[in-house]
């Protein structure tokens, strides 16, 4: 029995949890996993340009994947979700954690 995850339901729950657990604006930590490809990593960095984001990358043991951590001040949970959606739409193969 395969259970499909409804992205909109996931984002609604995330927004609710963020409103309940933080004072906004707040610093938020995004974590993404992408196949190791300089263009994909630069694409994520570009999405967070001019926001004062601190971005760190780390390759997997075999180098096939790279984790990208983005620490950035966001104005509210809607802005957090909008960035998740933007990354998902623009970067093929990305996994958002």
Protein backbone atom coordinates (compact mmCIF):
# COMPACT_ATOMS: atom_id res chain seq x y z
CA UNK A 1 0.00 0.00 0.00
CA UNK A 2 1.73 3.16 -1.25
CA UNK A 3 0.81 6.40 0.42
CA UNK A 4 1.15 9.54 -1.72
CA UNK A 5 2.01 12.73 0.14
CA UNK A 6 -0.19 15.72 -0.72
CA UNK A 7 2.22 18.67 -0.98
CA UNK A 8 -0.45 21.29 -0.27
CA UNK A 9 -1.54 19.48 2.90
CA UNK A 10 2.11 19.22 3.95
CA UNK A 11 2.62 22.98 3.45
CA UNK A 12 -0.59 23.81 5.36
CA UNK A 13 0.61 21.75 8.34
CA UNK A 14 4.09 23.25 8.13
CA UNK A 15 2.70 26.80 8.12
CA UNK A 16 0.52 26.04 11.12
CA UNK A 17 3.43 24.55 13.06
CA UNK A 18 5.67 27.50 12.20
CA UNK A 19 3.08 30.01 13.39
CA UNK A 20 2.71 28.04 16.63
CA UNK A 21 6.41 27.58 17.40
CA UNK A 22 8.19 30.81 16.45
CA UNK A 23 7.95 34.57 16.66
CA UNK A 24 8.11 36.14 13.20
CA UNK A 25 10.27 37.41 11.56
CA UNK A 26 12.61 34.56 12.51
CA UNK A 27 15.71 32.75 11.30
CA UNK A 28 14.78 29.53 9.52
CA UNK A 29 17.04 26.62 8.55
CA UNK A 30 16.29 25.05 5.18
CA UNK A 31 17.87 21.71 4.30
CA UNK A 32 18.00 20.32 0.80
CA UNK A 33 19.61 17.27 -0.79
CA UNK A 34 20.54 17.47 -4.48
CA UNK A 35 22.48 15.25 -6.86
CA UNK A 36 26.01 16.68 -6.83
CA UNK A 37 25.94 19.14 -9.70
CA UNK A 38 27.43 22.65 -9.48
CA UNK A 39 24.52 24.12 -11.48
CA UNK A 40 21.91 22.74 -9.07
CA UNK A 41 23.83 24.02 -6.04
CA UNK A 42 24.29 27.45 -7.65
CA UNK A 43 20.57 27.43 -8.48
CA UNK A 44 19.67 27.04 -4.81
CA UNK A 45 22.20 29.73 -3.85
CA UNK A 46 20.68 32.05 -6.47
CA UNK A 47 17.17 31.60 -5.03
CA UNK A 48 18.44 32.89 -1.68
CA UNK A 49 20.61 35.71 -3.13
CA UNK A 50 20.42 39.14 -1.49
CA UNK A 51 18.63 37.78 1.59
CA UNK A 52 21.63 37.61 3.92
CA UNK A 53 21.51 33.81 3.86
CA UNK A 54 24.33 31.70 5.25
CA UNK A 55 24.68 28.69 2.95
CA UNK A 56 26.73 25.59 3.70
CA UNK A 57 27.22 22.54 1.50
CA UNK A 58 28.49 19.06 2.27
CA UNK A 59 29.00 16.19 -0.17
CA UNK A 60 27.87 12.67 0.69
CA UNK A 61 30.52 10.06 1.42
CA UNK A 62 30.55 8.82 -2.18
CA UNK A 63 30.07 12.33 -3.59
CA UNK A 64 26.85 11.50 -5.44
CA UNK A 65 24.73 13.92 -3.43
CA UNK A 66 25.26 17.26 -1.73
CA UNK A 67 23.36 18.59 1.25
CA UNK A 68 22.69 22.32 1.17
CA UNK A 69 21.82 24.09 4.43
CA UNK A 70 20.45 27.62 4.20
CA UNK A 71 20.12 29.73 7.34
CA UNK A 72 18.12 32.87 6.58
CA UNK A 73 15.81 35.35 8.29
CA UNK A 74 12.27 34.99 6.94
CA UNK A 75 9.37 37.37 7.55
CA UNK A 76 6.65 34.75 8.15
CA UNK A 77 5.66 31.10 7.53
CA UNK A 78 4.12 32.02 4.15
CA UNK A 79 7.53 33.27 2.98
CA UNK A 80 9.14 30.03 4.25
CA UNK A 81 6.70 27.90 2.24
CA UNK A 82 7.07 30.11 -0.85
CA UNK A 83 10.84 29.47 -0.87
CA UNK A 84 10.32 25.71 -0.52
CA UNK A 85 7.98 25.82 -3.51
CA UNK A 86 10.36 27.98 -5.55
CA UNK A 87 13.27 25.60 -4.95
CA UNK A 88 11.08 22.60 -5.80
CA UNK A 89 9.92 24.20 -9.05
CA UNK A 90 13.33 25.45 -10.22
CA UNK A 91 15.75 22.73 -9.09
CA UNK A 92 15.13 19.31 -10.63
CA UNK A 93 15.76 16.34 -8.35
CA UNK A 94 15.89 18.33 -5.10
CA UNK A 95 14.70 16.75 -1.85
CA UNK A 96 13.49 19.21 0.79
CA UNK A 97 13.95 18.16 4.39
